[in-house]
Amino acid sequence: MLLLGTRLAGAALRWRLPLRYPRQLSGAAAPDLRAFIAGNTEPVREHLTPEVSLRLLTPRCRFWSQPAHLWPFSDPYWAIYWPGGQALSRYLLDNPAVTRSKRVLDVGSGCGASAIAASMSGASHILANDIDPVAAVSIQMNCELNKIPPLLVATESLVGKMEEKWDVILLGDMFYDEELAASLHNWLTEYKQLHGSEILIGDPGRSQFTHYAAQNCLQKVIEYELPEISRQENYGLTSSSVWRLLSSDIAGYQKHNTHLI
């Protein structure tokens, strides 16, 4: 997969830098972009949530093995169904009460799978947040593919924003960079303290994430075995988990009891 390679650091930097204005595509560009996405991805169901069809970049697509400089846009993280997002979406579909009739924010939405799963589970209001405007178009195409109403998409970074209250915040595969992980942890901890929201994180066990998981501020909700194709595409990762961010008082209680053992 030469196109994506290991170029996650650049995306991490973009998430850390506040965007004054959302990056938007002009109305004239959108139809051409839709045609480009349709011609260079394919609908896929071979993942943890086969009831959700997603337009993804696969080995059968021409850009899968081409040099990155030939891709005309920023890195297409939206065209990969990352393992943390798979676990998070599977959990929402299996437990619809988590998002039913709730206001849901999906941060780093990518292909939109978790936001789509929340919609299928009956969420009353959903905002998919991804700073890549190409992802915003892809998310709407995936909504159409799954025959659900179009989702609202914000293309400015909402990391660090405290004003609006969400019942549930979802983050799949966002803890892939140490600085970004620290920024997310500080924001989510403060947000949880202020609003008391349910904050769910999907991650396959990346080192940048397990550092926080070891600090008793997170509770593992469930772990899923990844299908073989996902293992191959993710360098042999075999499973992915959903974690719940605990409130500071519960996290402190657990830490205290751990020291007593």
Protein backbone atom coordinates (compact mmCIF):
# COMPACT_ATOMS: atom_id res chain seq x y z
CA MET A 1 0.00 0.00 0.00
CA LEU A 2 2.52 2.60 -1.21
CA LEU A 3 0.02 5.43 -1.39
CA LEU A 4 -0.54 5.68 2.36
CA GLY A 5 2.66 4.08 3.62
CA THR A 6 3.54 5.38 7.07
CA ARG A 7 2.70 9.04 6.43
CA LEU A 8 0.53 9.53 9.52
CA ALA A 9 2.62 12.31 11.06
CA GLY A 10 1.41 14.89 8.55
CA ALA A 11 -2.21 14.12 9.33
CA ALA A 12 -1.48 14.36 13.04
CA LEU A 13 -0.02 17.83 12.55
CA ARG A 14 -3.11 18.97 10.65
CA TRP A 15 -5.36 17.81 13.51
CA ARG A 16 -3.24 19.66 16.09
CA LEU A 17 -3.29 22.96 14.19
CA PRO A 18 -6.59 24.87 14.59
CA LEU A 19 -8.25 25.70 11.28
CA ARG A 20 -9.71 29.19 11.18
CA TYR A 21 -11.98 28.33 8.28
CA PRO A 22 -13.33 24.94 7.19
CA ARG A 23 -11.73 23.79 3.98
CA GLN A 24 -14.52 23.37 1.47
CA LEU A 25 -14.80 22.23 -2.12
CA SER A 26 -16.55 24.44 -4.63
CA GLY A 27 -19.88 23.33 -5.98
CA ALA A 28 -18.37 22.86 -9.43
CA ALA A 29 -15.64 20.56 -8.09
CA ALA A 30 -17.96 18.23 -6.18
CA PRO A 31 -19.39 16.27 -9.16
CA ASP A 32 -15.91 15.66 -10.57
CA LEU A 33 -14.67 14.56 -7.16
CA ARG A 34 -17.58 12.16 -6.76
CA ALA A 35 -16.70 10.63 -10.13
CA PHE A 36 -13.05 10.36 -9.08
CA ILE A 37 -13.94 8.63 -5.82
CA ALA A 38 -16.35 6.27 -7.58
CA GLY A 39 -13.74 5.41 -10.20
CA ASN A 40 -10.89 4.79 -7.77
CA THR A 41 -12.55 2.95 -4.89
CA GLU A 42 -14.95 0.04 -4.70
CA PRO A 43 -17.83 -0.92 -2.39
CA VAL A 44 -16.58 -3.32 0.27
CA ARG A 45 -18.35 -5.42 2.91
CA GLU A 46 -15.51 -7.76 3.89
CA HIS A 47 -14.86 -6.31 7.36
CA LEU A 48 -16.26 -6.43 10.91
CA THR A 49 -19.49 -4.72 9.86
CA PRO A 50 -20.68 -6.47 6.68
CA GLU A 51 -24.08 -4.80 7.00
CA VAL A 52 -22.32 -1.52 6.14
CA SER A 53 -21.02 -1.08 2.60
CA LEU A 54 -18.15 1.39 2.19
CA ARG A 55 -16.27 2.79 -0.78
CA LEU A 56 -12.65 1.88 0.00
CA LEU A 57 -9.26 1.71 -1.63
CA THR A 58 -8.43 -1.97 -2.21
CA PRO A 59 -5.66 -3.95 -3.96
CA ARG A 60 -7.92 -4.05 -7.02
CA CYS A 61 -7.86 -0.23 -7.29
CA ARG A 62 -5.22 1.34 -9.49
CA PHE A 63 -3.87 3.75 -6.87
CA TRP A 64 -3.31 1.01 -4.27
CA SER A 65 0.26 0.33 -5.37
CA GLN A 66 1.12 3.55 -7.17
CA PRO A 67 3.62 6.10 -5.81
CA ALA A 68 2.03 8.63 -3.46
CA HIS A 69 2.89 11.64 -5.60
CA LEU A 70 0.47 10.47 -8.29
CA TRP A 71 -2.52 10.81 -5.93
CA PRO A 72 -4.01 14.28 -6.65
CA PHE A 73 -5.30 15.01 -3.12
CA SER A 74 -4.08 14.75 0.46
CA ASP A 75 -3.52 11.21 1.79
CA PRO A 76 -6.79 9.23 1.53
CA TYR A 77 -7.18 8.06 5.12
CA TRP A 78 -10.93 8.16 4.42
CA ALA A 79 -10.50 5.31 1.91
CA ILE A 80 -9.32 2.81 4.51
CA TYR A 81 -11.56 1.18 7.13
CA TRP A 82 -9.13 1.30 10.03
CA PRO A 83 -9.34 -1.41 12.73
CA GLY A 84 -10.34 0.95 15.55
CA GLY A 85 -13.22 2.26 13.48
CA GLN A 86 -14.28 -1.29 12.68
CA ALA A 87 -14.47 -2.22 16.36
CA LEU A 88 -16.30 0.99 17.26
CA SER A 89 -18.86 0.55 14.48
CA ARG A 90 -19.41 -3.11 15.34
CA TYR A 91 -20.05 -2.17 18.97
CA LEU A 92 -22.59 0.51 18.03
CA LEU A 93 -24.49 -1.81 15.71
CA ASP A 94 -24.58 -4.54 18.35
CA ASN A 95 -25.62 -2.10 21.09
CA PRO A 96 -27.97 0.43 19.47
CA ALA A 97 -29.03 1.87 22.84
CA VAL A 98 -25.61 3.52 23.11
CA THR A 99 -26.52 6.10 20.46
CA ARG A 100 -30.30 5.75 20.06
CA SER A 101 -31.98 9.18 20.36
CA LYS A 102 -28.59 10.70 21.23
CA ARG A 103 -26.52 13.58 19.85
CA VAL A 104 -23.37 12.01 18.46
CA LEU A 105 -20.04 13.52 17.37
CA ASP A 106 -17.70 11.31 15.32
CA VAL A 107 -14.20 12.83 15.41
CA GLY A 108 -11.81 11.84 12.62
CA SER A 109 -14.74 10.29 10.81
CA GLY A 110 -12.79 9.13 7.73
CA CYS A 111 -15.04 6.90 5.66
CA GLY A 112 -17.92 7.72 8.02
CA ALA A 113 -18.49 4.14 9.19
CA SER A 114 -19.02 4.94 12.89
CA ALA A 115 -21.30 7.86 12.08
CA ILE A 116 -23.26 5.61 9.71
CA ALA A 117 -23.48 2.93 12.41
CA ALA A 118 -24.84 5.56 14.83
CA SER A 119 -27.42 6.58 12.24
CA MET A 120 -28.45 2.96 11.70
CA SER A 121 -28.77 2.64 15.48
CA GLY A 122 -31.21 5.53 15.73
CA ALA A 123 -29.12 8.52 16.81
CA SER A 124 -31.18 11.71 16.75
CA HIS A 125 -28.40 14.02 15.56
CA ILE A 126 -24.98 13.15 14.14
CA LEU A 127 -22.03 15.30 13.15
CA ALA A 128 -19.19 13.62 11.28
CA ASN A 129 -15.97 15.59 11.73
CA ASP A 130 -13.04 15.19 9.34
CA ILE A 131 -10.64 17.94 8.27
CA ASP A 132 -10.23 16.48 4.78
CA PRO A 133 -12.94 17.90 2.45
CA VAL A 134 -12.54 14.84 0.21
CA ALA A 135 -13.60 12.71 3.18
CA ALA A 136 -16.74 14.82 3.48
CA VAL A 137 -17.75 13.87 -0.07
CA SER A 138 -16.84 10.24 0.53
CA ILE A 139 -18.99 10.13 3.67
CA GLN A 140 -22.03 11.35 1.74
CA MET A 141 -21.41 8.77 -0.98
CA ASN A 142 -21.25 6.06 1.69
CA CYS A 143 -24.52 7.31 3.14
CA GLU A 144 -26.11 6.90 -0.29
CA LEU A 145 -24.56 3.46 -0.62
CA ASN A 146 -26.25 2.42 2.64
CA LYS A 147 -29.53 4.17 1.87
CA ILE A 148 -29.48 6.44 4.91
CA PRO A 149 -30.10 10.22 5.00
CA PRO A 150 -27.03 12.37 4.35
CA LEU A 151 -24.98 13.20 7.43
CA LEU A 152 -23.83 16.62 8.52
CA VAL A 153 -20.06 16.91 8.08
CA ALA A 154 -17.76 19.54 9.62
CA THR A 155 -14.34 19.98 8.01
CA GLU A 156 -12.81 22.24 10.66
CA SER A 157 -10.96 20.62 13.54
CA LEU A 158 -13.25 20.31 16.56
CA VAL A 159 -10.50 18.97 18.81
CA GLY A 160 -10.33 21.30 21.80
CA LYS A 161 -13.83 22.73 21.29
CA MET A 162 -15.83 22.74 24.52
CA GLU A 163 -18.97 24.76 23.81
CA GLU A 164 -21.39 22.31 22.23
CA LYS A 165 -22.62 19.38 24.28
CA TRP A 166 -22.66 15.92 22.71
CA ASP A 167 -24.20 12.90 24.41
CA VAL A 168 -21.68 10.58 22.76
CA ILE A 169 -18.27 11.29 21.23
CA LEU A 170 -16.67 8.65 19.01
CA LEU A 171 -13.00 8.42 18.05
CA GLY A 172 -11.67 5.60 15.91
CA ASP A 173 -7.91 5.25 15.26
CA MET A 174 -7.09 8.80 16.33
CA PHE A 175 -4.31 7.90 18.81
CA TYR A 176 -1.62 7.22 16.21
CA ASP A 177 0.77 10.06 17.11
CA GLU A 178 2.13 10.91 20.57
CA GLU A 179 1.51 14.66 20.41
CA LEU A 180 -1.94 14.22 18.94
CA ALA A 181 -2.71 11.55 21.56
CA ALA A 182 -1.70 13.94 24.36
CA SER A 183 -3.84 16.71 22.86
CA LEU A 184 -6.84 14.40 22.51
CA HIS A 185 -6.43 13.05 26.03
CA ASN A 186 -6.34 16.54 27.57
CA TRP A 187 -9.35 17.71 25.57
CA LEU A 188 -11.47 14.62 26.18
CA THR A 189 -10.69 14.55 29.91
CA GLU A 190 -11.72 18.19 30.29
CA TYR A 191 -14.78 17.69 28.07
CA LYS A 192 -15.87 14.66 30.09
CA GLN A 193 -15.53 16.62 33.31
CA LEU A 194 -17.58 19.52 31.93
CA HIS A 195 -20.35 17.68 30.06
CA GLY A 196 -20.32 14.10 31.38
CA SER A 197 -20.59 12.70 27.87
CA GLU A 198 -20.04 9.09 26.90
CA ILE A 199 -16.68 8.99 25.12
CA LEU A 200 -15.82 5.82 23.20
CA ILE A 201 -12.49 5.14 21.53
CA GLY A 202 -11.68 2.41 19.02
CA ASP A 203 -8.04 1.31 18.82
CA PRO A 204 -6.17 -1.90 17.92
CA GLY A 205 -3.52 -1.39 20.60
CA ARG A 206 -1.14 1.17 19.14
CA SER A 207 1.67 2.12 21.50
CA GLN A 208 0.60 5.76 21.50
CA PHE A 209 -2.80 4.68 22.83
CA THR A 210 -1.82 1.95 25.29
CA HIS A 211 0.20 4.55 27.21
CA TYR A 212 -3.10 6.17 28.20
CA ALA A 213 -4.94 2.89 28.62
CA ALA A 214 -2.40 1.97 31.31
CA GLN A 215 -3.19 5.07 33.38
CA ASN A 216 -6.56 3.80 34.65
CA CYS A 217 -8.43 6.54 32.81
CA LEU A 218 -9.87 4.08 30.29
CA GLN A 219 -12.03 1.00 30.60
CA LYS A 220 -12.02 -1.71 27.96
CA VAL A 221 -15.58 -2.33 26.83
CA ILE A 222 -15.05 -5.13 24.30
CA GLU A 223 -12.42 -6.66 22.03
CA TYR A 224 -13.01 -8.07 18.55
CA GLU A 225 -10.93 -10.39 16.42
CA LEU A 226 -10.21 -8.77 13.08
CA PRO A 227 -11.08 -10.61 9.86
CA GLU A 228 -8.13 -11.98 7.91
CA ILE A 229 -8.23 -9.31 5.22
CA SER A 230 -8.04 -6.57 7.87
CA ARG A 231 -5.08 -8.31 9.50
CA GLN A 232 -3.23 -8.36 6.20
CA GLU A 233 -3.95 -4.70 5.50
CA ASN A 234 -2.85 -3.62 8.99
CA TYR A 235 0.54 -5.29 9.27
CA GLY A 236 -0.64 -8.31 11.20
CA LEU A 237 -2.80 -6.65 13.88
CA THR A 238 -5.13 -9.38 15.06
CA SER A 239 -7.74 -7.60 17.18
CA SER A 240 -9.25 -4.22 17.95
CA SER A 241 -11.02 -2.90 21.03
CA VAL A 242 -13.49 -0.31 22.19
CA TRP A 243 -12.58 1.74 25.26
CA ARG A 244 -14.62 4.08 27.46
CA LEU A 245 -13.08 7.21 28.93
CA LEU A 246 -13.79 7.27 32.66
CA SER A 247 -14.65 10.34 34.68
CA SER A 248 -11.79 11.66 36.77
CA ASP A 249 -13.32 10.50 40.07
CA ILE A 250 -13.79 6.91 38.84
CA ALA A 251 -10.32 6.88 37.29
CA GLY A 252 -8.85 8.14 40.58
CA TYR A 253 -10.74 5.49 42.55
CA GLN A 254 -9.48 2.72 40.29
CA LYS A 255 -5.91 4.03 40.51
CA HIS A 256 -6.12 4.16 44.31
CA ASN A 257 -7.41 0.60 44.53
CA THR A 258 -4.74 -0.61 42.12
CA HIS A 259 -2.06 0.74 44.47
CA LEU A 260 -3.68 -1.08 47.40
CA ILE A 261 -3.47 -4.48 45.71
